[in-house]
Amino acid sequence: MPYRVQGVVVREQNAPVSIETVIVPDPGPGEAVVDILTSGVCHTDLHYKLGGISDEFPFLLGHEATGRVAAVGEGVTEVAVGDRVILNWRAVCGQCRACAKGQPQYCFNTHNAQQKMTLEDGTELSPALGIGAFIEKTLVAAGQCTKIDEESDAAAVGLLGCGVMAGIGAAINTGGVQRGESVAVIGCGGVGTAAIAGAQLAGATTIIAVDIDDAKLEQAKRFGATHTVNSRSEDPVEAIRALTDGFGADVVIDAVGRPETYTQAFYARDLAGRVVLVGVPTPEMQLQLPLLDVFGRGGSLQSSWYGDCLPSRDFSMLIDQYRLGRLDLEGFVTERIGLGDVEAAFDRMHDGTVLRSVVVL
């Protein structure tokens, strides 16, 4: 029979979030109900709240989560009741043109649950990124569950469900950082700091953190930055070039997603270097670059969605690196909070005083 649980909902654009009773149906074919253990408070949830992703209110927020499988529907073989899992929003279909080309990390038809969770009055909820994890139980497609070990800190490894994976993947998967290369990361919030950690993990020897906040720059050193640049007081392009023998970095990652930071990234890379955009721009933003400069500098201009990750491949590999002491996932957890603290966590996120607030149920 359906479950009655408590979840964090935003009913209309930029309204305060509220804790509501949510009706979660029994899982249908290919679906799973998951007891949520932890869920990180991600910028994407704030974008949903502000109406920056869609207008399909009300939203059930939360998506960067760990949980334990409580029930599975007919035909589910990926996971079983009792499995500890990270939830993901790239449940590959195996049949679209990307999957057919052997590139499931670009799957164009990822699975979500077909049934809807609702409020008590029957109003259908739109779960953030097809997950909706600020809740005691949620309904997802079984392919959105990636089984993990029992020993790891759930709050730490759950961040692989979105932000930390996006940053690490931007460096390793999209940017293809190699041993001995130089990397610059513009923007040292959660995703940018994760990109720094990914660059260190890949073996980069010069890792330049760029931000306008000295506290964030100091924090970036803990995750592998070898140099820092405060772009409020110095030109980041010139500073990055000066730190790379005048050439520019092999890989520059824009973790902000604004035309001005992307332009800085473009001109701060070496000839034939790579630019990776992982910061999310807003719809009205426009970019202007001289086409001759695009042609003349060579290399590649790439965007990174979810770090171009394949959860079944990348989650376990990164958890292994965490357990070996090579990746400080716990360092990304600034605070552990309850469901009732999400609105305040958005304020702290906006103020830039946290890497991640994590809801613990």
Protein backbone atom coordinates (compact mmCIF):
# COMPACT_ATOMS: atom_id res chain seq x y z
CA MET A 1 0.00 0.00 0.00
CA PRO A 2 1.20 3.59 -0.56
CA TYR A 3 3.51 5.23 1.95
CA ARG A 4 2.71 8.51 3.77
CA VAL A 5 5.99 10.33 4.46
CA GLN A 6 7.37 13.80 5.10
CA GLY A 7 9.17 15.70 2.32
CA VAL A 8 10.43 19.19 1.45
CA VAL A 9 8.27 20.87 -1.19
CA VAL A 10 8.28 24.27 -2.91
CA ARG A 11 4.78 25.11 -4.13
CA GLU A 12 5.49 28.14 -6.31
CA GLN A 13 8.38 30.16 -7.70
CA ASN A 14 10.71 31.49 -4.99
CA ALA A 15 8.30 30.59 -2.21
CA PRO A 16 9.77 29.31 1.06
CA VAL A 17 10.03 25.53 1.19
CA SER A 18 7.67 23.62 3.46
CA ILE A 19 7.55 20.14 4.94
CA GLU A 20 4.51 18.36 3.52
CA THR A 21 2.94 14.93 3.75
CA VAL A 22 3.72 13.11 0.50
CA ILE A 23 2.06 9.97 -0.82
CA VAL A 24 4.62 7.57 -2.33
CA PRO A 25 3.08 4.72 -4.35
CA ASP A 26 4.24 1.12 -4.25
CA PRO A 27 6.88 0.57 -6.94
CA GLY A 28 5.63 -0.47 -10.36
CA PRO A 29 7.55 -2.43 -13.00
CA GLY A 30 11.16 -1.23 -13.17
CA GLU A 31 10.76 1.02 -10.12
CA ALA A 32 12.13 1.08 -6.58
CA VAL A 33 11.14 2.79 -3.33
CA VAL A 34 14.20 3.98 -1.40
CA ASP A 35 14.52 5.00 2.25
CA ILE A 36 16.63 8.17 2.10
CA LEU A 37 19.67 8.25 4.39
CA THR A 38 21.32 11.52 3.30
CA SER A 39 20.77 14.22 0.69
CA GLY A 40 23.08 17.13 -0.14
CA VAL A 41 21.68 20.64 -0.62
CA CYS A 42 22.77 21.43 -4.18
CA HIS A 43 22.58 24.64 -6.25
CA THR A 44 20.32 22.76 -8.65
CA ASP A 45 17.69 22.50 -5.90
CA LEU A 46 17.91 26.27 -5.46
CA HIS A 47 17.49 26.71 -9.24
CA TYR A 48 14.30 24.62 -9.04
CA LYS A 49 13.05 26.78 -6.17
CA LEU A 50 13.73 29.98 -8.13
CA GLY A 51 11.98 28.65 -11.24
CA GLY A 52 15.22 28.56 -13.22
CA ILE A 53 14.79 25.00 -14.50
CA SER A 54 11.07 24.69 -15.24
CA ASP A 55 7.68 25.96 -14.08
CA GLU A 56 6.26 22.53 -13.23
CA PHE A 57 5.51 23.43 -9.61
CA PRO A 58 5.15 22.07 -6.99
CA PHE A 59 8.60 20.49 -6.79
CA LEU A 60 9.79 17.83 -4.41
CA LEU A 61 13.35 19.00 -3.87
CA GLY A 62 16.56 17.04 -3.29
CA HIS A 63 18.51 14.70 -5.56
CA GLU A 64 22.11 14.26 -4.30
CA ALA A 65 21.37 11.26 -2.12
CA THR A 66 22.14 7.92 -0.56
CA GLY A 67 19.48 5.50 0.59
CA ARG A 68 18.50 1.93 1.24
CA VAL A 69 16.15 0.05 -1.09
CA ALA A 70 12.85 -0.57 0.69
CA ALA A 71 10.84 -2.21 -2.10
CA VAL A 72 11.23 -3.08 -5.79
CA GLY A 73 8.75 -3.53 -8.58
CA GLU A 74 8.29 -6.29 -11.11
CA GLY A 75 11.28 -7.10 -13.28
CA VAL A 76 13.86 -5.23 -11.21
CA THR A 77 17.25 -6.96 -11.25
CA GLU A 78 19.65 -4.04 -10.72
CA VAL A 79 19.12 -3.86 -6.95
CA ALA A 80 17.39 -5.77 -4.16
CA VAL A 81 15.62 -4.84 -0.95
CA GLY A 82 18.21 -3.86 1.65
CA ASP A 83 20.86 -2.64 -0.78
CA ARG A 84 22.61 0.60 0.14
CA VAL A 85 22.65 2.86 -2.91
CA ILE A 86 23.58 6.25 -4.31
CA LEU A 87 20.79 7.76 -6.40
CA ASN A 88 21.65 9.23 -9.79
CA TRP A 89 19.90 11.09 -12.58
CA ARG A 90 21.58 9.21 -15.42
CA ALA A 91 19.81 5.85 -15.50
CA VAL A 92 20.89 4.85 -18.99
CA CYS A 93 18.31 3.40 -21.35
CA GLY A 94 20.68 1.20 -23.37
CA GLN A 95 18.75 1.87 -26.58
CA CYS A 96 19.09 5.53 -27.65
CA ARG A 97 21.57 6.69 -30.27
CA ALA A 98 24.22 7.54 -27.64
CA CYS A 99 23.93 4.13 -26.00
CA ALA A 100 23.96 2.45 -29.42
CA LYS A 101 27.28 4.20 -30.16
CA GLY A 102 28.79 2.85 -26.95
CA GLN A 103 28.56 6.24 -25.20
CA PRO A 104 26.01 5.62 -22.44
CA GLN A 105 27.43 8.54 -20.44
CA TYR A 106 25.60 10.74 -22.97
CA CYS A 107 22.32 8.79 -22.82
CA PHE A 108 19.53 10.93 -24.24
CA ASN A 109 16.66 8.94 -22.73
CA THR A 110 17.51 8.29 -19.09
CA HIS A 111 14.86 6.51 -17.03
CA ASN A 112 12.70 7.97 -14.27
CA ALA A 113 9.82 6.45 -12.32
CA GLN A 114 6.60 6.40 -14.33
CA GLN A 115 4.27 6.83 -11.36
CA LYS A 116 3.88 10.15 -9.62
CA MET A 117 4.31 11.03 -5.97
CA THR A 118 1.56 13.38 -4.78
CA LEU A 119 0.47 15.65 -1.98
CA GLU A 120 -2.43 14.48 0.19
CA ASP A 121 -4.95 16.30 -2.01
CA GLY A 122 -3.72 14.41 -5.10
CA THR A 123 -1.56 17.23 -6.52
CA GLU A 124 1.23 15.62 -8.52
CA LEU A 125 4.79 16.53 -7.54
CA SER A 126 7.71 17.09 -9.88
CA PRO A 127 10.74 15.42 -8.26
CA ALA A 128 14.01 17.31 -8.73
CA LEU A 129 16.05 15.61 -11.46
CA GLY A 130 13.59 12.71 -11.35
CA ILE A 131 14.59 11.87 -7.76
CA GLY A 132 13.12 14.12 -5.04
CA ALA A 133 15.33 13.18 -2.09
CA PHE A 134 14.48 15.66 0.68
CA ILE A 135 12.02 13.08 1.91
CA GLU A 136 11.85 9.98 4.09
CA LYS A 137 11.13 7.67 1.12
CA THR A 138 11.19 8.37 -2.60
CA LEU A 139 10.18 6.56 -5.78
CA VAL A 140 12.73 6.20 -8.59
CA ALA A 141 13.50 4.04 -11.58
CA ALA A 142 15.58 1.10 -10.40
CA GLY A 143 18.34 2.14 -12.80
CA GLN A 144 18.75 5.32 -10.77
CA CYS A 145 20.13 3.22 -7.91
CA THR A 146 23.84 2.36 -7.84
CA LYS A 147 24.74 -0.18 -5.15
CA ILE A 148 27.59 0.80 -2.81
CA ASP A 149 29.37 -0.67 0.19
CA GLU A 150 28.15 -0.44 3.78
CA GLU A 151 31.27 1.09 5.34
CA SER A 152 31.60 4.49 3.66
CA ASP A 153 30.19 7.67 5.23
CA ALA A 154 26.80 7.99 3.52
CA ALA A 155 26.80 11.81 3.71
CA ALA A 156 30.19 11.97 1.99
CA VAL A 157 29.72 9.43 -0.82
CA GLY A 158 26.20 10.68 -1.51
CA LEU A 159 27.70 13.88 -2.94
CA LEU A 160 28.77 11.79 -5.93
CA GLY A 161 25.08 11.87 -6.83
CA CYS A 162 25.54 15.34 -8.32
CA GLY A 163 27.93 18.19 -7.44
CA VAL A 164 31.14 16.39 -6.54
CA MET A 165 30.74 14.02 -9.47
CA ALA A 166 30.11 16.97 -11.79
CA GLY A 167 33.36 18.63 -10.76
CA ILE A 168 35.58 15.54 -10.64
CA GLY A 169 34.13 14.34 -13.94
CA ALA A 170 34.69 17.73 -15.59
CA ALA A 171 38.40 17.28 -14.91
CA ILE A 172 38.84 13.54 -15.48
CA ASN A 173 36.12 12.54 -17.95
CA THR A 174 35.46 15.68 -19.98
CA GLY A 175 38.76 17.53 -19.68
CA GLY A 176 40.82 14.35 -19.84
CA VAL A 177 43.43 15.73 -17.44
CA GLN A 178 46.67 13.79 -17.75
CA ARG A 179 49.64 13.29 -15.43
CA GLY A 180 51.92 16.30 -15.42
CA GLU A 181 49.43 18.70 -17.01
CA SER A 182 48.47 22.15 -15.77
CA VAL A 183 44.87 22.89 -14.82
CA ALA A 184 43.11 26.13 -13.86
CA VAL A 185 39.67 26.13 -12.24
CA ILE A 186 37.63 29.35 -12.25
CA GLY A 187 35.12 29.37 -9.41
CA CYS A 188 35.81 27.49 -6.18
CA GLY A 189 32.37 26.59 -4.90
CA GLY A 190 31.47 22.92 -4.43
CA VAL A 191 31.74 21.93 -8.10
CA GLY A 192 34.91 23.92 -8.75
CA THR A 193 36.59 22.55 -5.64
CA ALA A 194 35.63 19.04 -6.76
CA ALA A 195 37.24 19.78 -10.14
CA ILE A 196 40.43 20.70 -8.27
CA ALA A 197 40.26 17.40 -6.39
CA GLY A 198 39.71 15.59 -9.69
CA ALA A 199 42.70 17.29 -11.29
CA GLN A 200 44.89 16.22 -8.36
CA LEU A 201 43.53 12.67 -8.57
CA ALA A 202 44.39 12.58 -12.30
CA GLY A 203 47.98 13.63 -11.62
CA ALA A 204 48.04 17.29 -12.63
CA THR A 205 51.15 18.99 -11.22
CA THR A 206 50.08 22.64 -11.52
CA ILE A 207 46.55 23.29 -10.26
CA ILE A 208 45.47 26.94 -10.17
CA ALA A 209 42.37 27.95 -8.20
CA VAL A 210 40.67 31.21 -9.24
CA ASP A 211 37.98 32.96 -7.19
CA ILE A 212 37.08 36.34 -5.72
CA ASP A 213 36.89 34.99 -2.16
CA ASP A 214 40.15 34.44 -0.24
CA ALA A 215 38.48 31.95 2.11
CA LYS A 216 37.42 29.77 -0.83
CA LEU A 217 40.92 30.00 -2.29
CA GLU A 218 42.44 28.89 1.01
CA GLN A 219 39.97 26.01 1.12
CA ALA A 220 40.93 25.01 -2.44
CA LYS A 221 44.47 24.31 -1.25
CA ARG A 222 43.11 21.52 0.98
CA PHE A 223 41.80 19.75 -2.10
CA GLY A 224 44.93 20.05 -4.24
CA ALA A 225 45.35 23.61 -5.53
CA THR A 226 49.05 24.44 -5.87
CA HIS A 227 48.45 28.13 -6.64
CA THR A 228 45.62 30.60 -6.04
CA VAL A 229 44.49 33.73 -7.88
CA ASN A 230 42.04 36.29 -6.52
CA SER A 231 40.44 37.59 -9.70
CA ARG A 232 39.00 40.58 -7.84
CA SER A 233 42.50 42.01 -7.42
CA GLU A 234 44.43 40.62 -10.43
CA ASP A 235 43.76 39.65 -14.04
CA PRO A 236 43.16 35.87 -13.96
CA VAL A 237 44.28 35.35 -17.57
CA GLU A 238 47.62 37.03 -17.00
CA ALA A 239 48.04 35.30 -13.63
CA ILE A 240 47.37 31.84 -15.09
CA ARG A 241 49.80 32.50 -17.94
CA ALA A 242 52.46 33.69 -15.49
CA LEU A 243 52.09 30.45 -13.52
CA THR A 244 52.42 28.30 -16.68
CA ASP A 245 55.63 29.74 -18.20
CA GLY A 246 53.63 32.28 -20.18
CA PHE A 247 51.71 29.68 -22.18
CA GLY A 248 48.42 29.17 -20.38
CA ALA A 249 47.01 26.02 -18.77
CA ASP A 250 46.49 22.73 -20.57
CA VAL A 251 42.93 22.58 -19.22
CA VAL A 252 40.81 25.46 -17.91
CA ILE A 253 37.53 24.61 -16.19
CA ASP A 254 34.83 27.27 -15.87
CA ALA A 255 32.83 26.28 -12.81
CA VAL A 256 30.91 29.59 -12.73
CA GLY A 257 29.12 29.62 -16.07
CA ARG A 258 29.07 33.30 -16.98
CA PRO A 259 30.19 34.90 -20.29
CA GLU A 260 33.00 36.80 -18.57
CA THR A 261 34.41 33.73 -16.79
CA TYR A 262 34.13 31.64 -19.95
CA THR A 263 36.03 34.31 -21.88
CA GLN A 264 38.72 34.24 -19.21
CA ALA A 265 38.91 30.45 -19.50
CA PHE A 266 39.17 30.67 -23.29
CA TYR A 267 42.14 33.05 -23.22
CA ALA A 268 43.83 31.44 -20.19
CA ARG A 269 44.41 28.11 -21.96
CA ASP A 270 47.50 27.09 -23.88
CA LEU A 271 47.44 26.71 -27.66
CA ALA A 272 45.52 23.49 -28.37
CA GLY A 273 44.39 23.50 -24.74
CA ARG A 274 40.96 22.44 -23.54
CA VAL A 275 38.19 24.57 -22.05
CA VAL A 276 35.51 22.79 -20.03
CA LEU A 277 32.25 24.53 -19.05
CA VAL A 278 30.65 22.89 -16.02
CA GLY A 279 29.07 25.98 -14.40
CA VAL A 280 25.44 26.34 -15.45
CA PRO A 281 24.55 29.56 -17.33
CA THR A 282 21.11 31.15 -17.24
CA PRO A 283 18.98 31.26 -20.41
CA GLU A 284 19.54 34.94 -21.24
CA MET A 285 23.35 34.76 -21.24
CA GLN A 286 25.14 35.30 -24.57
CA LEU A 287 28.79 34.67 -25.48
CA GLN A 288 30.80 36.64 -28.04
CA LEU A 289 34.25 35.50 -29.19
CA PRO A 290 36.18 36.42 -32.35
CA LEU A 291 35.81 33.41 -34.62
CA LEU A 292 39.40 33.84 -35.77
CA ASP A 293 40.55 33.36 -32.17
CA VAL A 294 38.50 30.16 -31.93
CA PHE A 295 40.14 28.92 -35.12
CA GLY A 296 43.62 30.15 -34.30
CA ARG A 297 43.94 28.68 -30.83
CA GLY A 298 42.93 25.12 -31.73
CA GLY A 299 42.20 22.66 -28.97
CA SER A 300 38.66 22.03 -27.83
CA LEU A 301 35.73 23.81 -26.20
CA GLN A 302 33.61 21.34 -24.25
CA SER A 303 30.67 21.34 -21.90
CA SER A 304 30.31 18.79 -19.11
CA TRP A 305 26.93 17.44 -18.00
CA TYR A 306 27.12 15.56 -14.70
CA GLY A 307 30.85 15.24 -15.29
CA ASP A 308 30.11 13.02 -18.31
CA CYS A 309 29.88 10.24 -15.75
CA LEU A 310 28.59 6.70 -15.97
CA PRO A 311 27.40 5.97 -12.41
CA SER A 312 27.91 2.21 -12.67
CA ARG A 313 31.55 2.84 -13.61
CA ASP A 314 32.52 6.01 -11.79
CA PHE A 315 30.83 5.83 -8.38
CA SER A 316 32.61 2.67 -7.22
CA MET A 317 35.96 3.84 -8.61
CA LEU A 318 35.75 7.15 -6.74
CA ILE A 319 34.58 5.48 -3.52
CA ASP A 320 37.65 3.24 -3.78
CA GLN A 321 39.83 6.36 -4.09
CA TYR A 322 38.08 7.82 -1.05
CA ARG A 323 38.67 4.67 0.99
CA LEU A 324 42.33 4.66 -0.07
CA GLY A 325 42.71 8.20 1.25
CA ARG A 326 43.25 9.77 -2.18
CA LEU A 327 39.95 11.67 -2.36
CA ASP A 328 38.65 13.65 0.62
CA LEU A 329 34.91 13.30 0.13
CA GLU A 330 34.24 13.96 3.81
CA GLY A 331 35.95 17.33 3.42
CA PHE A 332 33.07 18.50 1.22
CA VAL A 333 30.53 18.02 4.04
CA THR A 334 30.38 21.35 5.88
CA GLU A 335 27.37 20.57 8.05
CA ARG A 336 24.76 17.88 8.69
CA ILE A 337 21.19 19.15 9.06
CA GLY A 338 17.57 18.01 9.27
CA LEU A 339 14.69 18.29 6.80
CA GLY A 340 13.49 21.44 8.54
CA ASP A 341 16.80 23.22 7.94
CA VAL A 342 16.77 23.25 4.11
CA GLU A 343 15.58 26.85 3.71
CA ALA A 344 18.37 28.12 5.99
CA ALA A 345 20.85 25.95 4.09
CA PHE A 346 19.87 27.75 0.86
CA ASP A 347 20.71 31.04 2.57
CA ARG A 348 24.13 29.77 3.62
CA MET A 349 24.73 28.47 0.11
CA HIS A 350 23.86 31.88 -1.33
CA ASP A 351 26.26 33.52 1.13
CA GLY A 352 29.04 31.13 0.06
CA THR A 353 29.75 29.94 3.60
CA VAL A 354 29.38 26.19 2.95
CA LEU A 355 30.68 23.63 0.50
CA ARG A 356 27.75 21.28 1.21
CA SER A 357 24.99 21.11 3.74
CA VAL A 358 23.78 17.52 3.95
CA VAL A 359 20.33 16.49 5.17
CA VAL A 360 20.61 13.39 7.36
CA LEU A 361 17.47 11.35 7.99
